[in-house]
């Protein structure tokens, strides 16, 4: 069984791109900082984990999450091999996000707020404006999300 469950904070705004072809699909990448148990008194340590989400999950993350926000997710670990610029064979470990959810309310997030243009979000200009309006609506809403 290959199952991972993580809770942490986004290190930067998610980067969302779309695959090419007739049925393009969203691909969202971000880094999650997950706290470890304390090594010494008062000393926090964190692991920085690369996360990839696809499809509707990717669109959800890019629409509602920004740098500094807490996220809970589950998925699987996946490895891939590639050659770097020097010709060295490298292996990358990533978590493929299958499900995600909010783990804190807006007021608890410490006011983590960002505009769409601040990250490297590659959504078209019209979609950027729509996403910005959606995030602003979310920021103004203090209700509870039932998922």
C-alpha atoms as a PDB file:
ATOM      1  CA  UNK A   1       0.000   0.000   0.000  1.00  0.00           C
ATOM      2  CA  UNK A   2       1.324   3.449  -0.934  1.00  0.00           C
ATOM      3  CA  UNK A   3      -0.612   6.060   1.067  1.00  0.00           C
ATOM      4  CA  UNK A   4       0.636   9.390   2.445  1.00  0.00           C
ATOM      5  CA  UNK A   5      -1.214  11.841   4.686  1.00  0.00           C
ATOM      6  CA  UNK A   6       0.334  15.256   5.339  1.00  0.00           C
ATOM      7  CA  UNK A   7      -0.561  18.502   7.056  1.00  0.00           C
ATOM      8  CA  UNK A   8       1.573  21.562   6.513  1.00  0.00           C
ATOM      9  CA  UNK A   9       1.834  25.033   5.016  1.00  0.00           C
ATOM     10  CA  UNK A  10       2.480  26.092   1.438  1.00  0.00           C
ATOM     11  CA  UNK A  11       5.997  27.491   1.034  1.00  0.00           C
ATOM     12  CA  UNK A  12       4.973  29.579  -1.993  1.00  0.00           C
ATOM     13  CA  UNK A  13       1.927  30.109  -4.200  1.00  0.00           C
ATOM     14  CA  UNK A  14       1.007  27.000  -6.205  1.00  0.00           C
ATOM     15  CA  UNK A  15       2.161  26.912  -9.852  1.00  0.00           C
ATOM     16  CA  UNK A  16      -0.582  25.733 -12.187  1.00  0.00           C
ATOM     17  CA  UNK A  17      -0.136  24.783 -15.808  1.00  0.00           C
ATOM     18  CA  UNK A  18      -2.307  23.010 -18.303  1.00  0.00           C
ATOM     19  CA  UNK A  19      -1.386  20.030 -20.465  1.00  0.00           C
ATOM     20  CA  UNK A  20      -1.568  20.441 -24.213  1.00  0.00           C
ATOM     21  CA  UNK A  21      -4.049  18.676 -26.420  1.00  0.00           C
ATOM     22  CA  UNK A  22      -7.782  18.430 -26.921  1.00  0.00           C
ATOM     23  CA  UNK A  23      -8.579  17.622 -23.322  1.00  0.00           C
ATOM     24  CA  UNK A  24      -6.138  19.779 -21.388  1.00  0.00           C
ATOM     25  CA  UNK A  25      -5.762  19.018 -17.695  1.00  0.00           C
ATOM     26  CA  UNK A  26      -4.546  21.234 -14.858  1.00  0.00           C
ATOM     27  CA  UNK A  27      -1.250  20.295 -13.215  1.00  0.00           C
ATOM     28  CA  UNK A  28      -0.487  22.082  -9.955  1.00  0.00           C
ATOM     29  CA  UNK A  29       2.906  21.967  -8.196  1.00  0.00           C
ATOM     30  CA  UNK A  30       3.787  23.349  -4.798  1.00  0.00           C
ATOM     31  CA  UNK A  31       6.058  22.702  -1.836  1.00  0.00           C
ATOM     32  CA  UNK A  32       4.642  21.810   1.554  1.00  0.00           C
ATOM     33  CA  UNK A  33       6.472  22.527   4.826  1.00  0.00           C
ATOM     34  CA  UNK A  34       5.495  19.795   7.289  1.00  0.00           C
ATOM     35  CA  UNK A  35       6.692  20.226  10.876  1.00  0.00           C
ATOM     36  CA  UNK A  36       8.635  17.469  12.597  1.00  0.00           C
ATOM     37  CA  UNK A  37       8.576  16.769  16.287  1.00  0.00           C
ATOM     38  CA  UNK A  38      10.982  19.060  18.110  1.00  0.00           C
ATOM     39  CA  UNK A  39      14.614  17.908  18.160  1.00  0.00           C
ATOM     40  CA  UNK A  40      15.547  20.214  21.036  1.00  0.00           C
ATOM     41  CA  UNK A  41      13.444  22.332  23.286  1.00  0.00           C
ATOM     42  CA  UNK A  42      12.152  25.339  21.371  1.00  0.00           C
ATOM     43  CA  UNK A  43      13.766  24.271  18.083  1.00  0.00           C
ATOM     44  CA  UNK A  44      11.343  23.483  15.274  1.00  0.00           C
ATOM     45  CA  UNK A  45      12.310  21.447  12.226  1.00  0.00           C
ATOM     46  CA  UNK A  46      10.384  20.976   9.008  1.00  0.00           C
ATOM     47  CA  UNK A  47      10.491  18.762   5.947  1.00  0.00           C
ATOM     48  CA  UNK A  48       9.925  20.418   2.583  1.00  0.00           C
ATOM     49  CA  UNK A  49       7.962  18.061   0.364  1.00  0.00           C
ATOM     50  CA  UNK A  50       7.215  18.530  -3.344  1.00  0.00           C
ATOM     51  CA  UNK A  51       3.542  17.977  -4.144  1.00  0.00           C
ATOM     52  CA  UNK A  52       1.846  17.509  -7.538  1.00  0.00           C
ATOM     53  CA  UNK A  53      -1.925  17.553  -8.108  1.00  0.00           C
ATOM     54  CA  UNK A  54      -3.875  16.902 -11.316  1.00  0.00           C
ATOM     55  CA  UNK A  55      -7.301  17.780 -12.724  1.00  0.00           C
ATOM     56  CA  UNK A  56     -10.023  19.124 -10.442  1.00  0.00           C
ATOM     57  CA  UNK A  57      -7.794  18.779  -7.374  1.00  0.00           C
ATOM     58  CA  UNK A  58      -5.167  20.981  -9.051  1.00  0.00           C
ATOM     59  CA  UNK A  59      -7.777  23.597  -9.963  1.00  0.00           C
ATOM     60  CA  UNK A  60      -9.139  23.595  -6.394  1.00  0.00           C
ATOM     61  CA  UNK A  61      -5.689  24.113  -4.886  1.00  0.00           C
ATOM     62  CA  UNK A  62      -4.746  26.902  -7.284  1.00  0.00           C
ATOM     63  CA  UNK A  63      -8.078  28.638  -6.681  1.00  0.00           C
ATOM     64  CA  UNK A  64      -8.205  28.556  -2.869  1.00  0.00           C
ATOM     65  CA  UNK A  65      -4.678  28.128  -1.498  1.00  0.00           C
ATOM     66  CA  UNK A  66      -1.816  30.628  -1.339  1.00  0.00           C
ATOM     67  CA  UNK A  67       1.576  30.859   0.328  1.00  0.00           C
ATOM     68  CA  UNK A  68       1.407  30.355   4.091  1.00  0.00           C
ATOM     69  CA  UNK A  69      -1.982  28.632   4.205  1.00  0.00           C
ATOM     70  CA  UNK A  70      -2.325  25.288   5.970  1.00  0.00           C
ATOM     71  CA  UNK A  71      -3.499  22.326   3.923  1.00  0.00           C
ATOM     72  CA  UNK A  72      -4.256  18.706   4.723  1.00  0.00           C
ATOM     73  CA  UNK A  73      -3.782  16.209   1.924  1.00  0.00           C
ATOM     74  CA  UNK A  74      -3.587  12.538   1.143  1.00  0.00           C
ATOM     75  CA  UNK A  75      -2.013  10.841  -1.820  1.00  0.00           C
ATOM     76  CA  UNK A  76       0.839   8.561  -2.800  1.00  0.00           C
ATOM     77  CA  UNK A  77       4.612   8.778  -3.163  1.00  0.00           C
ATOM     78  CA  UNK A  78       5.918   8.592  -6.696  1.00  0.00           C
ATOM     79  CA  UNK A  79       9.493   8.545  -7.967  1.00  0.00           C
ATOM     80  CA  UNK A  80      10.822   9.637 -11.318  1.00  0.00           C
ATOM     81  CA  UNK A  81      14.286   9.643 -12.847  1.00  0.00           C
ATOM     82  CA  UNK A  82      15.849  12.319 -15.018  1.00  0.00           C
ATOM     83  CA  UNK A  83      19.232  13.610 -16.160  1.00  0.00           C
ATOM     84  CA  UNK A  84      20.371  17.004 -14.906  1.00  0.00           C
ATOM     85  CA  UNK A  85      22.281  19.553 -17.008  1.00  0.00           C
ATOM     86  CA  UNK A  86      25.590  17.887 -16.117  1.00  0.00           C
ATOM     87  CA  UNK A  87      24.416  14.489 -17.381  1.00  0.00           C
ATOM     88  CA  UNK A  88      24.020  13.056 -13.877  1.00  0.00           C
ATOM     89  CA  UNK A  89      21.120  10.672 -13.324  1.00  0.00           C
ATOM     90  CA  UNK A  90      18.818  12.021 -10.593  1.00  0.00           C
ATOM     91  CA  UNK A  91      15.791  10.625  -8.798  1.00  0.00           C
ATOM     92  CA  UNK A  92      12.953  12.855  -7.611  1.00  0.00           C
ATOM     93  CA  UNK A  93      10.432  11.900  -4.950  1.00  0.00           C
ATOM     94  CA  UNK A  94       7.045  13.611  -5.085  1.00  0.00           C
ATOM     95  CA  UNK A  95       3.704  13.184  -3.403  1.00  0.00           C
ATOM     96  CA  UNK A  96       0.822  12.929  -5.853  1.00  0.00           C
ATOM     97  CA  UNK A  97      -2.094  14.670  -4.130  1.00  0.00           C
ATOM     98  CA  UNK A  98      -5.366  12.798  -4.549  1.00  0.00           C
ATOM     99  CA  UNK A  99      -7.442  14.639  -1.920  1.00  0.00           C
ATOM    100  CA  UNK A 100      -6.978  17.885  -0.016  1.00  0.00           C
ATOM    101  CA  UNK A 101      -8.839  20.032   2.473  1.00  0.00           C
ATOM    102  CA  UNK A 102      -8.674  23.189   4.537  1.00  0.00           C
ATOM    103  CA  UNK A 103      -7.331  22.576   8.028  1.00  0.00           C
ATOM    104  CA  UNK A 104      -7.884  26.046   9.486  1.00  0.00           C
ATOM    105  CA  UNK A 105     -10.321  28.874   9.136  1.00  0.00           C
ATOM    106  CA  UNK A 106      -9.342  32.113   7.416  1.00  0.00           C
ATOM    107  CA  UNK A 107      -9.000  33.993  10.702  1.00  0.00           C
ATOM    108  CA  UNK A 108      -6.571  31.337  12.003  1.00  0.00           C
ATOM    109  CA  UNK A 109      -4.345  31.432   8.925  1.00  0.00           C
ATOM    110  CA  UNK A 110      -2.656  34.621  10.078  1.00  0.00           C
ATOM    111  CA  UNK A 111      -4.073  36.605   7.174  1.00  0.00           C
ATOM    112  CA  UNK A 112      -2.158  34.657   4.547  1.00  0.00           C
ATOM    113  CA  UNK A 113      -3.193  36.464   1.409  1.00  0.00           C
ATOM    114  CA  UNK A 114      -1.632  36.789  -1.994  1.00  0.00           C
ATOM    115  CA  UNK A 115      -2.656  37.897  -5.425  1.00  0.00           C
ATOM    116  CA  UNK A 116      -2.612  35.532  -8.351  1.00  0.00           C
ATOM    117  CA  UNK A 117       0.081  37.524 -10.152  1.00  0.00           C
ATOM    118  CA  UNK A 118       2.546  37.160  -7.271  1.00  0.00           C
ATOM    119  CA  UNK A 119       3.176  33.463  -7.951  1.00  0.00           C
ATOM    120  CA  UNK A 120       4.169  31.812 -11.205  1.00  0.00           C
ATOM    121  CA  UNK A 121       0.616  30.854 -12.050  1.00  0.00           C
ATOM    122  CA  UNK A 122       0.421  30.420 -15.809  1.00  0.00           C
ATOM    123  CA  UNK A 123      -3.338  30.706 -16.186  1.00  0.00           C
ATOM    124  CA  UNK A 124      -4.462  33.079 -18.964  1.00  0.00           C
ATOM    125  CA  UNK A 125      -5.128  36.743 -18.194  1.00  0.00           C
ATOM    126  CA  UNK A 126      -8.923  36.350 -18.117  1.00  0.00           C
ATOM    127  CA  UNK A 127      -8.683  33.389 -15.780  1.00  0.00           C
ATOM    128  CA  UNK A 128      -6.231  35.298 -13.536  1.00  0.00           C
ATOM    129  CA  UNK A 129      -8.800  38.038 -12.982  1.00  0.00           C
ATOM    130  CA  UNK A 130     -11.519  35.483 -12.308  1.00  0.00           C
ATOM    131  CA  UNK A 131      -9.280  33.605  -9.843  1.00  0.00           C
ATOM    132  CA  UNK A 132      -8.376  36.891  -8.107  1.00  0.00           C
ATOM    133  CA  UNK A 133     -12.050  37.754  -7.699  1.00  0.00           C
ATOM    134  CA  UNK A 134     -12.766  34.262  -6.358  1.00  0.00           C
ATOM    135  CA  UNK A 135      -9.935  34.529  -3.815  1.00  0.00           C
ATOM    136  CA  UNK A 136     -11.158  37.966  -2.730  1.00  0.00           C
ATOM    137  CA  UNK A 137     -14.653  36.523  -2.238  1.00  0.00           C
ATOM    138  CA  UNK A 138     -13.124  33.703  -0.171  1.00  0.00           C
ATOM    139  CA  UNK A 139     -11.092  36.179   1.909  1.00  0.00           C
ATOM    140  CA  UNK A 140     -14.248  38.152   2.697  1.00  0.00           C
ATOM    141  CA  UNK A 141     -16.177  35.038   3.692  1.00  0.00           C
ATOM    142  CA  UNK A 142     -15.858  33.868   7.313  1.00  0.00           C
ATOM    143  CA  UNK A 143     -18.201  30.889   7.065  1.00  0.00           C
ATOM    144  CA  UNK A 144     -17.451  27.228   7.509  1.00  0.00           C
ATOM    145  CA  UNK A 145     -16.719  24.992   4.515  1.00  0.00           C
ATOM    146  CA  UNK A 146     -18.290  21.549   4.984  1.00  0.00           C
ATOM    147  CA  UNK A 147     -15.537  19.547   3.235  1.00  0.00           C
END
